[in-house]
Structures are given as structure tokens and as C-alpha cells.
Amino acid sequence: MRTRRHFLIAALAAGPALITSRAWASERMSAADAHERATKGDILLVDIRTDGEWKQTGLGASARPISMHKPGFIEKLIEAAGNDKSRTIALICATGGRSRWLQGQLTKYGFTNVVDVSEGMLGSAAGPGWLKTGLPVKRLTN
């Protein structure tokens, strides 16, 4: 079983290769499109932020919370995708930095269709973000 430490060590070792590789970086989606497609069941939308961030802003109503910062992230992601690594998975974080980075990392684990919701929850140069767009938010009960 891979732990967060293994995941981060592997990611750091491949860092320069990922920075120069642009093949994966073009798969992007707006927050509004991600919400619409997730609501229809076309994609699995995963919020990869921390518990604290979810508590602070809430969670996109159509997103599944799976923190990339916790042990077992890969296993939880595979399970959420129904053990189908070719399923379209859209990643969202606060401003698109972590989701873009993780998009490239997941190819090493066999995921073939990962999309970056690059404007994130809070907005970025890619767009206003989930919250400013007025997309629905739910509060976590845990």
C-alpha cells in the first residue's frame, strides 16, 4: 500500500519531468462545466483540499471530498472511480495549483482521463472560481 510519503517522494523525484511535460496540462474545465457534468454523472468531481479548507468554504455540492493530504488518497480515488482508472476524474482545489500538479502525478498511477478544474474554489487567472460563480455549496457534517 502506498502512503502519502511514498506518493510525495515519487512526485518530487519526477518534478522536473512534469514541469516540462505539457501533454496533461491541456485537459482543463471550468467550475461551472465541472459542476454540470458531475451532476449528470458524466465525471467524478473530487475536491482534493484539506479538512480545514472544506470547513472554511464548504464543498462544491457535486464534489466528493478526498483530501490528497491524507494517507490512502490513491486507494480512495480508485474506489470512488469504481476501480476504473479510465473514468473521467475532475480535480478541484483552492486556486488550481494542486489540481494541476496532481493531474500529472496521477498518470504514474495509471489514471488516463484526469481533468484540472483550474479556477478552483476561490478563483484564479483561469476564472472566477466555484464560489464567485455562485455554484451550490454543501457543508460537511463531520
C-alpha atoms as a PDB file:
ATOM      1  CA  MET A   1       0.000   0.000   0.000  1.00  0.00           C
ATOM      2  CA  ARG A   2       1.282   3.431  -0.908  1.00  0.00           C
ATOM      3  CA  THR A   3       1.334   6.054   1.774  1.00  0.00           C
ATOM      4  CA  ARG A   4       1.272   9.815   1.428  1.00  0.00           C
ATOM      5  CA  ARG A   5       5.019   9.775   1.983  1.00  0.00           C
ATOM      6  CA  HIS A   6       5.572   7.357  -0.913  1.00  0.00           C
ATOM      7  CA  PHE A   7       3.314   9.459  -3.102  1.00  0.00           C
ATOM      8  CA  LEU A   8       5.157  12.684  -2.307  1.00  0.00           C
ATOM      9  CA  ILE A   9       8.617  11.119  -2.685  1.00  0.00           C
ATOM     10  CA  ALA A  10       7.704   9.761  -6.113  1.00  0.00           C
ATOM     11  CA  ALA A  11       6.245  13.121  -7.081  1.00  0.00           C
ATOM     12  CA  LEU A  12       9.316  15.044  -6.023  1.00  0.00           C
ATOM     13  CA  ALA A  13      11.604  12.685  -7.904  1.00  0.00           C
ATOM     14  CA  ALA A  14       9.662  13.278 -11.115  1.00  0.00           C
ATOM     15  CA  GLY A  15       9.187  17.017 -10.624  1.00  0.00           C
ATOM     16  CA  PRO A  16      11.419  18.333 -13.441  1.00  0.00           C
ATOM     17  CA  ALA A  17       9.929  15.918 -15.961  1.00  0.00           C
ATOM     18  CA  LEU A  18       6.432  17.061 -15.063  1.00  0.00           C
ATOM     19  CA  ILE A  19       7.269  20.719 -15.358  1.00  0.00           C
ATOM     20  CA  THR A  20       8.481  20.243 -18.912  1.00  0.00           C
ATOM     21  CA  SER A  21       5.662  17.888 -19.918  1.00  0.00           C
ATOM     22  CA  ARG A  22       2.610  19.707 -21.254  1.00  0.00           C
ATOM     23  CA  ALA A  23       0.611  16.760 -22.592  1.00  0.00           C
ATOM     24  CA  TRP A  24      -1.539  16.530 -19.475  1.00  0.00           C
ATOM     25  CA  ALA A  25      -1.814  20.244 -18.788  1.00  0.00           C
ATOM     26  CA  SER A  26      -4.284  20.926 -21.596  1.00  0.00           C
ATOM     27  CA  GLU A  27      -7.139  18.963 -20.018  1.00  0.00           C
ATOM     28  CA  ARG A  28      -8.957  21.734 -18.172  1.00  0.00           C
ATOM     29  CA  MET A  29     -12.530  22.512 -17.298  1.00  0.00           C
ATOM     30  CA  SER A  30     -14.352  25.452 -15.733  1.00  0.00           C
ATOM     31  CA  ALA A  31     -16.003  25.106 -12.349  1.00  0.00           C
ATOM     32  CA  ALA A  32     -19.439  25.556 -13.924  1.00  0.00           C
ATOM     33  CA  ASP A  33     -18.803  22.818 -16.504  1.00  0.00           C
ATOM     34  CA  ALA A  34     -17.403  20.504 -13.823  1.00  0.00           C
ATOM     35  CA  HIS A  35     -20.490  21.001 -11.671  1.00  0.00           C
ATOM     36  CA  GLU A  36     -22.863  20.412 -14.585  1.00  0.00           C
ATOM     37  CA  ARG A  37     -21.068  17.267 -15.750  1.00  0.00           C
ATOM     38  CA  ALA A  38     -20.695  15.893 -12.210  1.00  0.00           C
ATOM     39  CA  THR A  39     -24.388  16.476 -11.540  1.00  0.00           C
ATOM     40  CA  LYS A  40     -25.222  14.493 -14.687  1.00  0.00           C
ATOM     41  CA  GLY A  41     -22.843  11.712 -13.633  1.00  0.00           C
ATOM     42  CA  ASP A  42     -20.552  12.237 -16.633  1.00  0.00           C
ATOM     43  CA  ILE A  43     -17.495  12.812 -14.426  1.00  0.00           C
ATOM     44  CA  LEU A  44     -16.284  12.219 -10.900  1.00  0.00           C
ATOM     45  CA  LEU A  45     -15.503  15.619  -9.371  1.00  0.00           C
ATOM     46  CA  VAL A  46     -13.021  15.337  -6.494  1.00  0.00           C
ATOM     47  CA  ASP A  47     -12.146  18.147  -4.091  1.00  0.00           C
ATOM     48  CA  ILE A  48      -8.556  17.413  -3.045  1.00  0.00           C
ATOM     49  CA  ARG A  49      -8.202  20.158  -0.419  1.00  0.00           C
ATOM     50  CA  THR A  50      -7.788  19.743   3.337  1.00  0.00           C
ATOM     51  CA  ASP A  51     -10.449  19.278   6.013  1.00  0.00           C
ATOM     52  CA  GLY A  52      -9.791  22.818   7.199  1.00  0.00           C
ATOM     53  CA  GLU A  53     -10.390  24.245   3.734  1.00  0.00           C
ATOM     54  CA  TRP A  54     -13.627  22.296   3.381  1.00  0.00           C
ATOM     55  CA  LYS A  55     -14.795  23.599   6.758  1.00  0.00           C
ATOM     56  CA  GLN A  56     -13.847  27.161   5.835  1.00  0.00           C
ATOM     57  CA  THR A  57     -15.556  27.409   2.430  1.00  0.00           C
ATOM     58  CA  GLY A  58     -17.770  24.366   2.201  1.00  0.00           C
ATOM     59  CA  LEU A  59     -17.597  21.772  -0.532  1.00  0.00           C
ATOM     60  CA  GLY A  60     -18.919  22.042  -4.055  1.00  0.00           C
ATOM     61  CA  ALA A  61     -22.327  20.356  -3.954  1.00  0.00           C
ATOM     62  CA  SER A  62     -21.424  17.915  -6.722  1.00  0.00           C
ATOM     63  CA  ALA A  63     -17.890  17.205  -5.476  1.00  0.00           C
ATOM     64  CA  ARG A  64     -16.604  14.290  -3.460  1.00  0.00           C
ATOM     65  CA  PRO A  65     -14.123  15.186  -0.690  1.00  0.00           C
ATOM     66  CA  ILE A  66     -10.941  13.101  -0.938  1.00  0.00           C
ATOM     67  CA  SER A  67      -8.004  15.013   0.514  1.00  0.00           C
ATOM     68  CA  MET A  68      -4.702  14.486  -1.279  1.00  0.00           C
ATOM     69  CA  HIS A  69      -3.076  15.310   2.066  1.00  0.00           C
ATOM     70  CA  LYS A  70      -4.260  12.155   3.830  1.00  0.00           C
ATOM     71  CA  PRO A  71      -2.863   8.620   3.712  1.00  0.00           C
ATOM     72  CA  GLY A  72      -4.646   6.303   1.308  1.00  0.00           C
ATOM     73  CA  PHE A  73      -5.524   9.031  -1.182  1.00  0.00           C
ATOM     74  CA  ILE A  74      -4.817   6.903  -4.269  1.00  0.00           C
ATOM     75  CA  GLU A  75      -6.780   3.948  -2.933  1.00  0.00           C
ATOM     76  CA  LYS A  76      -9.762   6.166  -2.058  1.00  0.00           C
ATOM     77  CA  LEU A  77      -9.651   7.774  -5.502  1.00  0.00           C
ATOM     78  CA  ILE A  78      -9.605   4.380  -7.236  1.00  0.00           C
ATOM     79  CA  GLU A  79     -12.537   3.232  -5.115  1.00  0.00           C
ATOM     80  CA  ALA A  80     -14.509   6.425  -5.848  1.00  0.00           C
ATOM     81  CA  ALA A  81     -13.899   5.870  -9.569  1.00  0.00           C
ATOM     82  CA  GLY A  82     -15.381   2.389  -9.298  1.00  0.00           C
ATOM     83  CA  ASN A  83     -11.958   0.814  -9.817  1.00  0.00           C
ATOM     84  CA  ASP A  84     -11.932   2.337 -13.318  1.00  0.00           C
ATOM     85  CA  LYS A  85      -8.767   4.363 -13.870  1.00  0.00           C
ATOM     86  CA  SER A  86     -10.058   5.449 -17.287  1.00  0.00           C
ATOM     87  CA  ARG A  87     -13.095   7.202 -15.777  1.00  0.00           C
ATOM     88  CA  THR A  88     -13.053  10.967 -16.198  1.00  0.00           C
ATOM     89  CA  ILE A  89     -11.976  12.489 -12.906  1.00  0.00           C
ATOM     90  CA  ALA A  90     -12.010  16.260 -12.449  1.00  0.00           C
ATOM     91  CA  LEU A  91      -9.827  17.626  -9.647  1.00  0.00           C
ATOM     92  CA  ILE A  92     -10.559  20.866  -7.835  1.00  0.00           C
ATOM     93  CA  CYS A  93      -8.574  22.657  -5.127  1.00  0.00           C
ATOM     94  CA  ALA A  94      -8.496  26.280  -3.949  1.00  0.00           C
ATOM     95  CA  THR A  95      -6.910  28.032  -6.957  1.00  0.00           C
ATOM     96  CA  GLY A  96      -5.820  25.328  -9.391  1.00  0.00           C
ATOM     97  CA  GLY A  97      -2.208  24.804  -8.313  1.00  0.00           C
ATOM     98  CA  ARG A  98      -2.561  21.484  -6.532  1.00  0.00           C
ATOM     99  CA  SER A  99      -5.102  20.121  -9.005  1.00  0.00           C
ATOM    100  CA  ARG A 100      -2.840  20.867 -11.968  1.00  0.00           C
ATOM    101  CA  TRP A 101       0.160  19.285 -10.253  1.00  0.00           C
ATOM    102  CA  LEU A 102      -1.809  16.226  -9.169  1.00  0.00           C
ATOM    103  CA  GLN A 103      -3.263  15.813 -12.644  1.00  0.00           C
ATOM    104  CA  GLY A 104       0.212  14.989 -13.931  1.00  0.00           C
ATOM    105  CA  GLN A 105       1.089  12.801 -10.972  1.00  0.00           C
ATOM    106  CA  LEU A 106      -1.924  10.545 -11.369  1.00  0.00           C
ATOM    107  CA  THR A 107      -0.769   9.339 -14.776  1.00  0.00           C
ATOM    108  CA  LYS A 108       2.002   7.485 -12.924  1.00  0.00           C
ATOM    109  CA  TYR A 109      -0.665   5.530 -11.094  1.00  0.00           C
ATOM    110  CA  GLY A 110      -2.420   4.546 -14.320  1.00  0.00           C
ATOM    111  CA  PHE A 111      -5.170   7.178 -14.456  1.00  0.00           C
ATOM    112  CA  THR A 112      -5.808   8.121 -18.068  1.00  0.00           C
ATOM    113  CA  ASN A 113      -8.519  10.780 -18.035  1.00  0.00           C
ATOM    114  CA  VAL A 114      -7.839  13.398 -15.352  1.00  0.00           C
ATOM    115  CA  VAL A 115      -9.080  16.958 -15.785  1.00  0.00           C
ATOM    116  CA  ASP A 116      -7.985  20.082 -13.908  1.00  0.00           C
ATOM    117  CA  VAL A 117     -10.677  22.473 -12.698  1.00  0.00           C
ATOM    118  CA  SER A 118      -8.085  25.206 -12.925  1.00  0.00           C
ATOM    119  CA  GLU A 119     -10.056  28.119 -11.500  1.00  0.00           C
ATOM    120  CA  GLY A 120     -10.616  26.196  -8.278  1.00  0.00           C
ATOM    121  CA  MET A 121     -12.980  27.089  -5.478  1.00  0.00           C
ATOM    122  CA  LEU A 122     -11.588  30.573  -4.873  1.00  0.00           C
ATOM    123  CA  GLY A 123     -10.752  31.675  -8.409  1.00  0.00           C
ATOM    124  CA  SER A 124      -7.530  32.156 -10.354  1.00  0.00           C
ATOM    125  CA  ALA A 125      -6.304  33.560 -13.649  1.00  0.00           C
ATOM    126  CA  ALA A 126      -8.333  30.749 -15.266  1.00  0.00           C
ATOM    127  CA  GLY A 127     -11.654  32.092 -13.983  1.00  0.00           C
ATOM    128  CA  PRO A 128     -13.709  33.385 -11.057  1.00  0.00           C
ATOM    129  CA  GLY A 129     -13.919  30.072  -9.213  1.00  0.00           C
ATOM    130  CA  TRP A 130     -16.714  27.983  -7.805  1.00  0.00           C
ATOM    131  CA  LEU A 131     -17.727  30.365  -5.033  1.00  0.00           C
ATOM    132  CA  LYS A 132     -17.797  33.616  -7.054  1.00  0.00           C
ATOM    133  CA  THR A 133     -19.655  31.863  -9.850  1.00  0.00           C
ATOM    134  CA  GLY A 134     -22.395  31.127  -7.315  1.00  0.00           C
ATOM    135  CA  LEU A 135     -22.354  27.362  -7.697  1.00  0.00           C
ATOM    136  CA  PRO A 136     -24.020  25.393  -4.882  1.00  0.00           C
ATOM    137  CA  VAL A 137     -22.012  24.525  -1.788  1.00  0.00           C
ATOM    138  CA  LYS A 138     -22.669  21.996   0.940  1.00  0.00           C
ATOM    139  CA  ARG A 139     -21.265  21.917   4.452  1.00  0.00           C
ATOM    140  CA  LEU A 140     -19.585  18.800   5.737  1.00  0.00           C
ATOM    141  CA  THR A 141     -21.257  17.294   8.768  1.00  0.00           C
ATOM    142  CA  ASN A 142     -18.127  15.582  10.155  1.00  0.00           C
END
